[in-house]
PDB file of N, CA and C in Angstrom:
ATOM      1  N   MET A   1     -90.691  -5.925 142.483  1.00  0.00           N
ATOM      2  CA  MET A   1     -89.776  -6.816 141.806  1.00  0.00           C
ATOM      3  C   MET A   1     -88.367  -6.220 141.872  1.00  0.00           C
ATOM      4  N   ALA A   2     -87.422  -6.956 142.403  1.00  0.00           N
ATOM      5  CA  ALA A   2     -86.051  -6.487 142.552  1.00  0.00           C
ATOM      6  C   ALA A   2     -85.290  -6.667 141.247  1.00  0.00           C
ATOM      7  N   LYS A   3     -84.384  -5.795 140.983  1.00  0.00           N
ATOM      8  CA  LYS A   3     -83.542  -5.876 139.792  1.00  0.00           C
ATOM      9  C   LYS A   3     -82.098  -6.134 140.203  1.00  0.00           C
ATOM     10  N   THR A   4     -81.363  -6.797 139.337  1.00  0.00           N
ATOM     11  CA  THR A   4     -79.942  -7.017 139.549  1.00  0.00           C
ATOM     12  C   THR A   4     -79.182  -5.970 138.750  1.00  0.00           C
ATOM     13  N   PHE A   5     -78.160  -5.443 139.324  1.00  0.00           N
ATOM     14  CA  PHE A   5     -77.317  -4.498 138.623  1.00  0.00           C
ATOM     15  C   PHE A   5     -75.921  -5.075 138.570  1.00  0.00           C
ATOM     16  N   LEU A   6     -75.379  -5.179 137.387  1.00  0.00           N
ATOM     17  CA  LEU A   6     -74.042  -5.717 137.202  1.00  0.00           C
ATOM     18  C   LEU A   6     -73.101  -4.594 136.824  1.00  0.00           C
ATOM     19  N   GLN A   7     -71.921  -4.639 137.399  1.00  0.00           N
ATOM     20  CA  GLN A   7     -70.927  -3.624 137.075  1.00  0.00           C
ATOM     21  C   GLN A   7     -70.081  -4.143 135.929  1.00  0.00           C
ATOM     22  N   GLY A   8     -70.038  -3.397 134.831  1.00  0.00           N
ATOM     23  CA  GLY A   8     -69.253  -3.790 133.667  1.00  0.00           C
ATOM     24  C   GLY A   8     -67.788  -3.441 133.833  1.00  0.00           C
ATOM     25  N   SER A   9     -67.006  -3.830 132.848  1.00  0.00           N
ATOM     26  CA  SER A   9     -65.557  -3.591 132.915  1.00  0.00           C
ATOM     27  C   SER A   9     -65.201  -2.112 132.920  1.00  0.00           C
ATOM     28  N   LYS A  10     -66.089  -1.260 132.422  1.00  0.00           N
ATOM     29  CA  LYS A  10     -65.821   0.177 132.400  1.00  0.00           C
ATOM     30  C   LYS A  10     -66.528   0.895 133.534  1.00  0.00           C
ATOM     31  N   GLY A  11     -67.054   0.126 134.512  1.00  0.00           N
ATOM     32  CA  GLY A  11     -67.676   0.732 135.671  1.00  0.00           C
ATOM     33  C   GLY A  11     -69.145   1.041 135.497  1.00  0.00           C
ATOM     34  N   GLU A  12     -69.711   0.762 134.284  1.00  0.00           N
ATOM     35  CA  GLU A  12     -71.121   1.055 134.084  1.00  0.00           C
ATOM     36  C   GLU A  12     -71.973   0.037 134.843  1.00  0.00           C
ATOM     37  N   ILE A  13     -73.150   0.441 135.246  1.00  0.00           N
ATOM     38  CA  ILE A  13     -74.054  -0.435 135.978  1.00  0.00           C
ATOM     39  C   ILE A  13     -75.323  -0.576 135.153  1.00  0.00           C
ATOM     40  N   SER A  14     -75.746  -1.822 134.930  1.00  0.00           N
ATOM     41  CA  SER A  14     -76.928  -2.041 134.103  1.00  0.00           C
ATOM     42  C   SER A  14     -77.839  -3.099 134.728  1.00  0.00           C
ATOM     43  N   PRO A  15     -79.189  -2.975 134.533  1.00  0.00           N
ATOM     44  CA  PRO A  15     -80.123  -3.961 135.072  1.00  0.00           C
ATOM     45  C   PRO A  15     -79.951  -5.299 134.366  1.00  0.00           C
ATOM     46  N   LYS A  16     -80.095  -6.419 135.098  1.00  0.00           N
ATOM     47  CA  LYS A  16     -79.867  -7.732 134.504  1.00  0.00           C
ATOM     48  C   LYS A  16     -81.048  -8.687 134.680  1.00  0.00           C
ATOM     49  N   SER A  17     -81.581  -8.881 135.905  1.00  0.00           N
ATOM     50  CA  SER A  17     -82.653  -9.861 136.098  1.00  0.00           C
ATOM     51  C   SER A  17     -83.551  -9.434 137.239  1.00  0.00           C
ATOM     52  N   ASP A  18     -84.298 -10.393 137.796  1.00  0.00           N
ATOM     53  CA  ASP A  18     -85.240 -10.101 138.875  1.00  0.00           C
ATOM     54  C   ASP A  18     -84.637 -10.292 140.264  1.00  0.00           C
ATOM     55  N   GLU A  19     -83.337 -10.473 140.371  1.00  0.00           N
ATOM     56  CA  GLU A  19     -82.680 -10.653 141.668  1.00  0.00           C
ATOM     57  C   GLU A  19     -81.863  -9.415 142.009  1.00  0.00           C
ATOM     58  N   LEU A  20     -81.537  -9.267 143.276  1.00  0.00           N
ATOM     59  CA  LEU A  20     -80.746  -8.131 143.719  1.00  0.00           C
ATOM     60  C   LEU A  20     -79.333  -8.606 144.010  1.00  0.00           C
ATOM     61  N   THR A  21     -78.367  -7.982 143.393  1.00  0.00           N
ATOM     62  CA  THR A  21     -76.961  -8.273 143.650  1.00  0.00           C
ATOM     63  C   THR A  21     -76.344  -7.031 144.268  1.00  0.00           C
ATOM     64  N   ILE A  22     -75.629  -7.204 145.357  1.00  0.00           N
ATOM     65  CA  ILE A  22     -74.979  -6.080 146.027  1.00  0.00           C
ATOM     66  C   ILE A  22     -73.500  -6.125 145.682  1.00  0.00           C
ATOM     67  N   LEU A  23     -73.009  -5.021 145.153  1.00  0.00           N
ATOM     68  CA  LEU A  23     -71.592  -4.924 144.810  1.00  0.00           C
ATOM     69  C   LEU A  23     -70.779  -4.681 146.074  1.00  0.00           C
ATOM     70  N   PRO A  24     -69.586  -5.269 146.183  1.00  0.00           N
ATOM     71  CA  PRO A  24     -68.761  -5.041 147.371  1.00  0.00           C
ATOM     72  C   PRO A  24     -68.323  -3.589 147.489  1.00  0.00           C
ATOM     73  N   LEU A  25     -68.235  -3.103 148.722  1.00  0.00           N
ATOM     74  CA  LEU A  25     -67.829  -1.721 148.959  1.00  0.00           C
ATOM     75  C   LEU A  25     -66.412  -1.445 148.485  1.00  0.00           C
ATOM     76  N   SER A  26     -65.595  -2.499 148.354  1.00  0.00           N
ATOM     77  CA  SER A  26     -64.222  -2.296 147.905  1.00  0.00           C
ATOM     78  C   SER A  26     -64.171  -1.807 146.458  1.00  0.00           C
ATOM     79  N   ASN A  27     -65.272  -1.927 145.710  1.00  0.00           N
ATOM     80  CA  ASN A  27     -65.313  -1.451 144.331  1.00  0.00           C
ATOM     81  C   ASN A  27     -65.615   0.034 144.237  1.00  0.00           C
ATOM     82  N   ILE A  28     -65.912   0.663 145.353  1.00  0.00           N
ATOM     83  CA  ILE A  28     -66.314   2.064 145.360  1.00  0.00           C
ATOM     84  C   ILE A  28     -65.172   2.927 145.878  1.00  0.00           C
ATOM     85  N   VAL A  29     -64.881   4.004 145.171  1.00  0.00           N
ATOM     86  CA  VAL A  29     -63.886   4.973 145.639  1.00  0.00           C
ATOM     87  C   VAL A  29     -64.660   6.065 146.365  1.00  0.00           C
ATOM     88  N   TRP A  30     -64.441   6.163 147.671  1.00  0.00           N
ATOM     89  CA  TRP A  30     -65.145   7.139 148.491  1.00  0.00           C
ATOM     90  C   TRP A  30     -64.373   8.446 148.499  1.00  0.00           C
ATOM     91  N   PRO A  31     -65.011   9.558 148.127  1.00  0.00           N
ATOM     92  CA  PRO A  31     -64.307  10.843 148.166  1.00  0.00           C
ATOM     93  C   PRO A  31     -63.992  11.241 149.600  1.00  0.00           C
ATOM     94  N   MET A  32     -62.800  11.780 149.792  1.00  0.00           N
ATOM     95  CA  MET A  32     -62.357  12.218 151.114  1.00  0.00           C
ATOM     96  C   MET A  32     -61.590  13.515 150.989  1.00  0.00           C
ATOM     97  N   ASP A  33     -61.503  14.223 152.081  1.00  0.00           N
ATOM     98  CA  ASP A  33     -60.639  15.392 152.163  1.00  0.00           C
ATOM     99  C   ASP A  33     -59.390  15.000 152.944  1.00  0.00           C
ATOM    100  N   TYR A  34     -58.245  15.501 152.524  1.00  0.00           N
ATOM    101  CA  TYR A  34     -56.982  15.221 153.189  1.00  0.00           C
ATOM    102  C   TYR A  34     -56.373  16.547 153.610  1.00  0.00           C
ATOM    103  N   THR A  35     -56.289  16.785 154.908  1.00  0.00           N
ATOM    104  CA  THR A  35     -55.704  18.014 155.406  1.00  0.00           C
ATOM    105  C   THR A  35     -54.183  17.865 155.440  1.00  0.00           C
ATOM    106  N   VAL A  36     -53.505  18.832 154.856  1.00  0.00           N
ATOM    107  CA  VAL A  36     -52.037  18.821 154.829  1.00  0.00           C
ATOM    108  C   VAL A  36     -51.570  20.096 155.501  1.00  0.00           C
ATOM    109  N   ARG A  37     -50.974  19.942 156.666  1.00  0.00           N
ATOM    110  CA  ARG A  37     -50.476  21.108 157.409  1.00  0.00           C
ATOM    111  C   ARG A  37     -48.962  21.262 157.288  1.00  0.00           C
ATOM    112  N   ALA A  38     -48.312  20.231 156.743  1.00  0.00           N
ATOM    113  CA  ALA A  38     -46.859  20.270 156.558  1.00  0.00           C
ATOM    114  C   ALA A  38     -46.506  19.468 155.308  1.00  0.00           C
ATOM    115  N   VAL A  39     -45.455  19.879 154.627  1.00  0.00           N
ATOM    116  CA  VAL A  39     -45.031  19.191 153.411  1.00  0.00           C
ATOM    117  C   VAL A  39     -44.766  17.709 153.689  1.00  0.00           C
ATOM    118  N   SER A  40     -44.272  17.395 154.861  1.00  0.00           N
ATOM    119  CA  SER A  40     -43.979  15.996 155.199  1.00  0.00           C
ATOM    120  C   SER A  40     -45.240  15.133 155.160  1.00  0.00           C
ATOM    121  N   GLN A  41     -46.400  15.703 155.470  1.00  0.00           N
ATOM    122  CA  GLN A  41     -47.653  14.947 155.406  1.00  0.00           C
ATOM    123  C   GLN A  41     -48.050  14.660 153.963  1.00  0.00           C
ATOM    124  N   LEU A  42     -47.696  15.535 153.056  1.00  0.00           N
ATOM    125  CA  LEU A  42     -48.046  15.363 151.656  1.00  0.00           C
ATOM    126  C   LEU A  42     -47.418  14.091 151.093  1.00  0.00           C
ATOM    127  N   SER A  43     -46.235  13.767 151.527  1.00  0.00           N
ATOM    128  CA  SER A  43     -45.541  12.571 151.063  1.00  0.00           C
ATOM    129  C   SER A  43     -46.385  11.316 151.285  1.00  0.00           C
ATOM    130  N   ASP A  44     -46.880  11.136 152.494  1.00  0.00           N
ATOM    131  CA  ASP A  44     -47.699   9.962 152.810  1.00  0.00           C
ATOM    132  C   ASP A  44     -48.997   9.961 152.016  1.00  0.00           C
ATOM    133  N   HIS A  45     -49.618  11.136 151.862  1.00  0.00           N
ATOM    134  CA  HIS A  45     -50.875  11.225 151.116  1.00  0.00           C
ATOM    135  C   HIS A  45     -50.679  10.858 149.647  1.00  0.00           C
ATOM    136  N   LEU A  46     -49.626  11.364 149.025  1.00  0.00           N
ATOM    137  CA  LEU A  46     -49.376  11.052 147.618  1.00  0.00           C
ATOM    138  C   LEU A  46     -49.190   9.559 147.414  1.00  0.00           C
ATOM    139  N   ARG A  47     -48.400   8.943 148.262  1.00  0.00           N
ATOM    140  CA  ARG A  47     -48.159   7.502 148.165  1.00  0.00           C
ATOM    141  C   ARG A  47     -49.462   6.721 148.352  1.00  0.00           C
ATOM    142  N   SER A  48     -50.238   7.075 149.367  1.00  0.00           N
ATOM    143  CA  SER A  48     -51.493   6.386 149.649  1.00  0.00           C
ATOM    144  C   SER A  48     -52.498   6.547 148.511  1.00  0.00           C
ATOM    145  N   LEU A  49     -52.590   7.742 147.961  1.00  0.00           N
ATOM    146  CA  LEU A  49     -53.524   7.988 146.866  1.00  0.00           C
ATOM    147  C   LEU A  49     -53.137   7.189 145.626  1.00  0.00           C
ATOM    148  N   ARG A  50     -51.851   7.145 145.330  1.00  0.00           N
ATOM    149  CA  ARG A  50     -51.383   6.360 144.172  1.00  0.00           C
ATOM    150  C   ARG A  50     -51.747   4.894 144.351  1.00  0.00           C
ATOM    151  N   LYS A  51     -51.475   4.359 145.529  1.00  0.00           N
ATOM    152  CA  LYS A  51     -51.768   2.951 145.798  1.00  0.00           C
ATOM    153  C   LYS A  51     -53.269   2.679 145.788  1.00  0.00           C
ATOM    154  N   ALA A  52     -54.066   3.628 146.295  1.00  0.00           N
ATOM    155  CA  ALA A  52     -55.520   3.467 146.294  1.00  0.00           C
ATOM    156  C   ALA A  52     -56.071   3.401 144.870  1.00  0.00           C
ATOM    157  N   ARG A  53     -55.367   4.029 143.929  1.00  0.00           N
ATOM    158  CA  ARG A  53     -55.785   3.972 142.521  1.00  0.00           C
ATOM    159  C   ARG A  53     -55.244   2.725 141.833  1.00  0.00           C
ATOM    160  N   GLY A  54     -54.489   1.919 142.566  1.00  0.00           N
ATOM    161  CA  GLY A  54     -53.939   0.692 142.000  1.00  0.00           C
ATOM    162  C   GLY A  54     -52.800   0.933 141.035  1.00  0.00           C
ATOM    163  N   LEU A  55     -52.096   2.045 141.216  1.00  0.00           N
ATOM    164  CA  LEU A  55     -50.988   2.390 140.324  1.00  0.00           C
ATOM    165  C   LEU A  55     -49.642   2.135 140.975  1.00  0.00           C
ATOM    166  N   THR A  56     -48.711   1.638 140.201  1.00  0.00           N
ATOM    167  CA  THR A  56     -47.332   1.556 140.659  1.00  0.00           C
ATOM    168  C   THR A  56     -46.681   2.908 140.362  1.00  0.00           C
ATOM    169  N   GLN A  57     -45.499   3.114 140.912  1.00  0.00           N
ATOM    170  CA  GLN A  57     -44.769   4.357 140.611  1.00  0.00           C
ATOM    171  C   GLN A  57     -44.466   4.427 139.118  1.00  0.00           C
ATOM    172  N   ALA A  58     -44.146   3.303 138.512  1.00  0.00           N
ATOM    173  CA  ALA A  58     -43.836   3.279 137.076  1.00  0.00           C
ATOM    174  C   ALA A  58     -45.065   3.647 136.247  1.00  0.00           C
ATOM    175  N   GLU A  59     -46.236   3.137 136.625  1.00  0.00           N
ATOM    176  CA  GLU A  59     -47.464   3.449 135.892  1.00  0.00           C
ATOM    177  C   GLU A  59     -47.825   4.927 136.018  1.00  0.00           C
ATOM    178  N   LEU A  60     -47.696   5.469 137.227  1.00  0.00           N
ATOM    179  CA  LEU A  60     -47.962   6.897 137.408  1.00  0.00           C
ATOM    180  C   LEU A  60     -46.951   7.714 136.617  1.00  0.00           C
ATOM    181  N   GLY A  61     -45.713   7.281 136.620  1.00  0.00           N
ATOM    182  CA  GLY A  61     -44.678   7.959 135.847  1.00  0.00           C
ATOM    183  C   GLY A  61     -45.024   8.013 134.363  1.00  0.00           C
ATOM    184  N   ARG A  62     -45.538   6.903 133.817  1.00  0.00           N
ATOM    185  CA  ARG A  62     -45.939   6.891 132.407  1.00  0.00           C
ATOM    186  C   ARG A  62     -47.071   7.893 132.147  1.00  0.00           C
ATOM    187  N   LEU A  63     -48.017   7.987 133.077  1.00  0.00           N
ATOM    188  CA  LEU A  63     -49.110   8.957 132.930  1.00  0.00           C
ATOM    189  C   LEU A  63     -48.581  10.393 132.910  1.00  0.00           C
ATOM    190  N   LEU A  64     -47.542  10.629 133.695  1.00  0.00           N
ATOM    191  CA  LEU A  64     -46.978  11.977 133.821  1.00  0.00           C
ATOM    192  C   LEU A  64     -45.871  12.260 132.817  1.00  0.00           C
ATOM    193  N   GLY A  65     -45.376  11.206 132.155  1.00  0.00           N
ATOM    194  CA  GLY A  65     -44.272  11.378 131.217  1.00  0.00           C
ATOM    195  C   GLY A  65     -42.930  11.505 131.899  1.00  0.00           C
ATOM    196  N   VAL A  66     -42.793  10.864 133.077  1.00  0.00           N
ATOM    197  CA  VAL A  66     -41.526  10.880 133.815  1.00  0.00           C
ATOM    198  C   VAL A  66     -41.140   9.448 134.175  1.00  0.00           C
ATOM    199  N   LYS A  67     -39.913   9.280 134.623  1.00  0.00           N
ATOM    200  CA  LYS A  67     -39.438   7.959 135.026  1.00  0.00           C
ATOM    201  C   LYS A  67     -39.969   7.588 136.413  1.00  0.00           C
ATOM    202  N   GLN A  68     -39.962   6.295 136.708  1.00  0.00           N
ATOM    203  CA  GLN A  68     -40.385   5.796 138.020  1.00  0.00           C
ATOM    204  C   GLN A  68     -39.566   6.433 139.122  1.00  0.00           C
ATOM    205  N   SER A  69     -38.285   6.630 138.881  1.00  0.00           N
ATOM    206  CA  SER A  69     -37.417   7.207 139.916  1.00  0.00           C
ATOM    207  C   SER A  69     -37.845   8.636 140.270  1.00  0.00           C
ATOM    208  N   ARG A  70     -38.377   9.374 139.299  1.00  0.00           N
ATOM    209  CA  ARG A  70     -38.856  10.742 139.573  1.00  0.00           C
ATOM    210  C   ARG A  70     -40.094  10.701 140.475  1.00  0.00           C
ATOM    211  N   VAL A  71     -40.995   9.738 140.227  1.00  0.00           N
ATOM    212  CA  VAL A  71     -42.177   9.588 141.086  1.00  0.00           C
ATOM    213  C   VAL A  71     -41.724   9.234 142.500  1.00  0.00           C
ATOM    214  N   ALA A  72     -40.734   8.352 142.626  1.00  0.00           N
ATOM    215  CA  ALA A  72     -40.197   7.986 143.944  1.00  0.00           C
ATOM    216  C   ALA A  72     -39.616   9.205 144.645  1.00  0.00           C
ATOM    217  N   ASP A  73     -38.884  10.044 143.901  1.00  0.00           N
ATOM    218  CA  ASP A  73     -38.312  11.268 144.472  1.00  0.00           C
ATOM    219  C   ASP A  73     -39.405  12.202 144.982  1.00  0.00           C
ATOM    220  N   ILE A  74     -40.464  12.345 144.191  1.00  0.00           N
ATOM    221  CA  ILE A  74     -41.564  13.240 144.565  1.00  0.00           C
ATOM    222  C   ILE A  74     -42.283  12.715 145.801  1.00  0.00           C
ATOM    223  N   GLU A  75     -42.523  11.398 145.844  1.00  0.00           N
ATOM    224  CA  GLU A  75     -43.190  10.821 147.017  1.00  0.00           C
ATOM    225  C   GLU A  75     -42.329  10.954 148.267  1.00  0.00           C
ATOM    226  N   ARG A  76     -41.032  10.855 148.110  1.00  0.00           N
ATOM    227  CA  ARG A  76     -40.119  10.967 149.248  1.00  0.00           C
ATOM    228  C   ARG A  76     -40.037  12.416 149.749  1.00  0.00           C
ATOM    229  N   ASP A  77     -40.012  13.377 148.795  1.00  0.00           N
ATOM    230  CA  ASP A  77     -39.878  14.789 149.148  1.00  0.00           C
ATOM    231  C   ASP A  77     -40.673  15.641 148.163  1.00  0.00           C
ATOM    232  N   PRO A  78     -41.968  15.865 148.438  1.00  0.00           N
ATOM    233  CA  PRO A  78     -42.807  16.629 147.510  1.00  0.00           C
ATOM    234  C   PRO A  78     -42.334  18.057 147.252  1.00  0.00           C
ATOM    235  N   SER A  79     -41.436  18.573 148.061  1.00  0.00           N
ATOM    236  CA  SER A  79     -40.955  19.938 147.846  1.00  0.00           C
ATOM    237  C   SER A  79     -40.060  20.035 146.612  1.00  0.00           C
ATOM    238  N   VAL A  80     -39.732  18.892 145.967  1.00  0.00           N
ATOM    239  CA  VAL A  80     -38.872  18.918 144.779  1.00  0.00           C
ATOM    240  C   VAL A  80     -39.635  19.289 143.515  1.00  0.00           C
ATOM    241  N   VAL A  81     -40.963  19.469 143.608  1.00  0.00           N
ATOM    242  CA  VAL A  81     -41.750  19.824 142.424  1.00  0.00           C
ATOM    243  C   VAL A  81     -42.329  21.234 142.564  1.00  0.00           C
ATOM    244  N   SER A  82     -42.613  21.828 141.425  1.00  0.00           N
ATOM    245  CA  SER A  82     -43.267  23.140 141.427  1.00  0.00           C
ATOM    246  C   SER A  82     -44.755  22.940 141.727  1.00  0.00           C
ATOM    247  N   VAL A  83     -45.437  24.028 142.001  1.00  0.00           N
ATOM    248  CA  VAL A  83     -46.880  23.959 142.238  1.00  0.00           C
ATOM    249  C   VAL A  83     -47.572  23.439 140.977  1.00  0.00           C
ATOM    250  N   ASP A  84     -47.110  23.870 139.805  1.00  0.00           N
ATOM    251  CA  ASP A  84     -47.693  23.412 138.546  1.00  0.00           C
ATOM    252  C   ASP A  84     -47.515  21.902 138.384  1.00  0.00           C
ATOM    253  N   GLN A  85     -46.337  21.396 138.689  1.00  0.00           N
ATOM    254  CA  GLN A  85     -46.078  19.955 138.585  1.00  0.00           C
ATOM    255  C   GLN A  85     -46.912  19.180 139.607  1.00  0.00           C
ATOM    256  N   LEU A  86     -47.041  19.714 140.819  1.00  0.00           N
ATOM    257  CA  LEU A  86     -47.862  19.077 141.839  1.00  0.00           C
ATOM    258  C   LEU A  86     -49.314  19.026 141.375  1.00  0.00           C
ATOM    259  N   HIS A  87     -49.791  20.104 140.797  1.00  0.00           N
ATOM    260  CA  HIS A  87     -51.163  20.147 140.287  1.00  0.00           C
ATOM    261  C   HIS A  87     -51.369  19.075 139.215  1.00  0.00           C
ATOM    262  N   THR A  88     -50.419  18.911 138.307  1.00  0.00           N
ATOM    263  CA  THR A  88     -50.493  17.890 137.259  1.00  0.00           C
ATOM    264  C   THR A  88     -50.507  16.493 137.859  1.00  0.00           C
ATOM    265  N   LEU A  89     -49.661  16.246 138.848  1.00  0.00           N
ATOM    266  CA  LEU A  89     -49.610  14.953 139.519  1.00  0.00           C
ATOM    267  C   LEU A  89     -50.943  14.652 140.212  1.00  0.00           C
ATOM    268  N   LEU A  90     -51.478  15.631 140.931  1.00  0.00           N
ATOM    269  CA  LEU A  90     -52.754  15.439 141.622  1.00  0.00           C
ATOM    270  C   LEU A  90     -53.877  15.165 140.631  1.00  0.00           C
ATOM    271  N   ALA A  91     -53.879  15.878 139.510  1.00  0.00           N
ATOM    272  CA  ALA A  91     -54.908  15.658 138.485  1.00  0.00           C
ATOM    273  C   ALA A  91     -54.820  14.235 137.932  1.00  0.00           C
ATOM    274  N   ALA A  92     -53.606  13.717 137.752  1.00  0.00           N
ATOM    275  CA  ALA A  92     -53.428  12.348 137.261  1.00  0.00           C
ATOM    276  C   ALA A  92     -53.999  11.335 138.248  1.00  0.00           C
ATOM    277  N   LEU A  93     -54.018  11.694 139.528  1.00  0.00           N
ATOM    278  CA  LEU A  93     -54.576  10.818 140.567  1.00  0.00           C
ATOM    279  C   LEU A  93     -56.064  11.094 140.814  1.00  0.00           C
ATOM    280  N   GLY A  94     -56.616  12.049 140.073  1.00  0.00           N
ATOM    281  CA  GLY A  94     -58.022  12.393 140.254  1.00  0.00           C
ATOM    282  C   GLY A  94     -58.277  13.207 141.509  1.00  0.00           C
ATOM    283  N   ILE A  95     -57.282  13.977 141.910  1.00  0.00           N
ATOM    284  CA  ILE A  95     -57.361  14.785 143.125  1.00  0.00           C
ATOM    285  C   ILE A  95     -57.391  16.262 142.749  1.00  0.00           C
ATOM    286  N   GLN A  96     -58.197  17.012 143.448  1.00  0.00           N
ATOM    287  CA  GLN A  96     -58.328  18.450 143.226  1.00  0.00           C
ATOM    288  C   GLN A  96     -57.701  19.191 144.399  1.00  0.00           C
ATOM    289  N   LEU A  97     -56.909  20.195 144.114  1.00  0.00           N
ATOM    290  CA  LEU A  97     -56.303  21.030 145.145  1.00  0.00           C
ATOM    291  C   LEU A  97     -57.296  22.107 145.544  1.00  0.00           C
ATOM    292  N   VAL A  98     -57.634  22.170 146.826  1.00  0.00           N
ATOM    293  CA  VAL A  98     -58.605  23.140 147.327  1.00  0.00           C
ATOM    294  C   VAL A  98     -57.972  23.901 148.484  1.00  0.00           C
ATOM    295  N   LEU A  99     -58.064  25.219 148.456  1.00  0.00           N
ATOM    296  CA  LEU A  99     -57.615  26.043 149.562  1.00  0.00           C
ATOM    297  C   LEU A  99     -58.828  26.319 150.441  1.00  0.00           C
ATOM    298  N   HIS A 100     -58.701  26.034 151.712  1.00  0.00           N
ATOM    299  CA  HIS A 100     -59.829  26.154 152.634  1.00  0.00           C
ATOM    300  C   HIS A 100     -59.538  27.231 153.670  1.00  0.00           C
ATOM    301  N   ASP A 101     -60.373  28.240 153.703  1.00  0.00           N
ATOM    302  CA  ASP A 101     -60.231  29.311 154.687  1.00  0.00           C
ATOM    303  C   ASP A 101     -60.759  28.786 156.024  1.00  0.00           C
ATOM    304  N   THR A 102     -59.893  28.659 156.997  1.00  0.00           N
ATOM    305  CA  THR A 102     -60.295  28.114 158.301  1.00  0.00           C
ATOM    306  C   THR A 102     -61.056  29.114 159.141  1.00  0.00           C
ATOM    307  N   GLY A 103     -61.017  30.376 158.735  1.00  0.00           N
ATOM    308  CA  GLY A 103     -61.721  31.404 159.492  1.00  0.00           C
ATOM    309  C   GLY A 103     -61.021  31.772 160.785  1.00  0.00           C
ATOM    310  N   SER A 104     -59.834  31.233 160.987  1.00  0.00           N
ATOM    311  CA  SER A 104     -59.113  31.560 162.219  1.00  0.00           C
ATOM    312  C   SER A 104     -58.651  33.012 162.176  1.00  0.00           C
ATOM    313  N   ALA A 105     -58.363  33.535 163.338  1.00  0.00           N
ATOM    314  CA  ALA A 105     -57.959  34.942 163.460  1.00  0.00           C
ATOM    315  C   ALA A 105     -56.697  35.194 162.642  1.00  0.00           C
ATOM    316  N   TRP A 106     -56.714  36.272 161.919  1.00  0.00           N
ATOM    317  CA  TRP A 106     -55.568  36.663 161.111  1.00  0.00           C
ATOM    318  C   TRP A 106     -55.323  38.132 161.350  1.00  0.00           C
ATOM    319  N   SER A 107     -54.076  38.472 161.480  1.00  0.00           N
ATOM    320  CA  SER A 107     -53.754  39.892 161.618  1.00  0.00           C
ATOM    321  C   SER A 107     -52.649  40.231 160.624  1.00  0.00           C
ATOM    322  N   LYS A 108     -52.701  41.447 160.154  1.00  0.00           N
ATOM    323  CA  LYS A 108     -51.721  41.898 159.183  1.00  0.00           C
ATOM    324  C   LYS A 108     -50.349  41.971 159.850  1.00  0.00           C
ATOM    325  N   PRO A 109     -49.327  41.350 159.226  1.00  0.00           N
ATOM    326  CA  PRO A 109     -47.993  41.408 159.826  1.00  0.00           C
ATOM    327  C   PRO A 109     -47.418  42.819 159.761  1.00  0.00           C
ATOM    328  N   ALA A 110     -46.507  43.092 160.657  1.00  0.00           N
ATOM    329  CA  ALA A 110     -45.837  44.394 160.674  1.00  0.00           C
ATOM    330  C   ALA A 110     -45.065  44.575 159.374  1.00  0.00           C
ATOM    331  N   ALA A 111     -44.959  45.811 158.931  1.00  0.00           N
ATOM    332  CA  ALA A 111     -44.227  46.100 157.701  1.00  0.00           C
ATOM    333  C   ALA A 111     -42.786  45.638 157.851  1.00  0.00           C
ATOM    334  N   ALA A 112     -42.299  44.998 156.815  1.00  0.00           N
ATOM    335  CA  ALA A 112     -40.926  44.497 156.843  1.00  0.00           C
ATOM    336  C   ALA A 112     -40.152  45.115 155.688  1.00  0.00           C
ATOM    337  N   LYS A 113     -38.849  45.077 155.809  1.00  0.00           N
ATOM    338  CA  LYS A 113     -37.988  45.572 154.743  1.00  0.00           C
ATOM    339  C   LYS A 113     -38.179  44.668 153.525  1.00  0.00           C
ATOM    340  N   PRO A 114     -38.345  45.239 152.325  1.00  0.00           N
ATOM    341  CA  PRO A 114     -38.529  44.408 151.134  1.00  0.00           C
ATOM    342  C   PRO A 114     -37.328  43.490 150.941  1.00  0.00           C
ATOM    343  N   PRO A 115     -37.580  42.249 150.473  1.00  0.00           N
ATOM    344  CA  PRO A 115     -36.481  41.313 150.258  1.00  0.00           C
ATOM    345  C   PRO A 115     -35.590  41.761 149.106  1.00  0.00           C
ATOM    346  N   ASN A 116     -34.396  41.208 149.075  1.00  0.00           N
ATOM    347  CA  ASN A 116     -33.491  41.475 147.942  1.00  0.00           C
ATOM    348  C   ASN A 116     -34.141  41.001 146.660  1.00  0.00           C
ATOM    349  N   LYS A 117     -33.821  41.640 145.581  1.00  0.00           N
ATOM    350  CA  LYS A 117     -34.380  41.267 144.284  1.00  0.00           C
ATOM    351  C   LYS A 117     -34.045  39.801 143.988  1.00  0.00           C
ATOM    352  N   GLY A 118     -35.067  39.037 143.587  1.00  0.00           N
ATOM    353  CA  GLY A 118     -34.847  37.639 143.211  1.00  0.00           C
ATOM    354  C   GLY A 118     -35.001  36.651 144.355  1.00  0.00           C
ATOM    355  N   SER A 119     -35.228  37.126 145.584  1.00  0.00           N
ATOM    356  CA  SER A 119     -35.418  36.201 146.697  1.00  0.00           C
ATOM    357  C   SER A 119     -36.764  36.469 147.346  1.00  0.00           C
ATOM    358  N   TRP A 120     -37.168  35.614 148.213  1.00  0.00           N
ATOM    359  CA  TRP A 120     -38.431  35.800 148.938  1.00  0.00           C
ATOM    360  C   TRP A 120     -38.112  36.621 150.106  1.00  0.00           C
TER     361      TRP A 120
END
């Protein structure tokens, strides 16, 4: 005997009758990994992730406690935020920052003169 599962307004799924109902795939958020090799790629990913969550820049701004224009600035140039701010933004989008060791060859760089105090 087949059961029907209905998706409620809060995303819960519950049995309903003796028929089978298939929910559209568009209702499912599929987890993905996004490789970012350059800051410029992060811009497109942030914008796409926000839109995939159905959020406007203003709505994301309200979640973060910033103005819409600040979200636009961050999407245009993610280098304008600190790592802590980026982490907060990603968390608001339900994204986790993961560092992945590629296992590629690495060699210790030659000793360099220490930088001036206060600079990299």
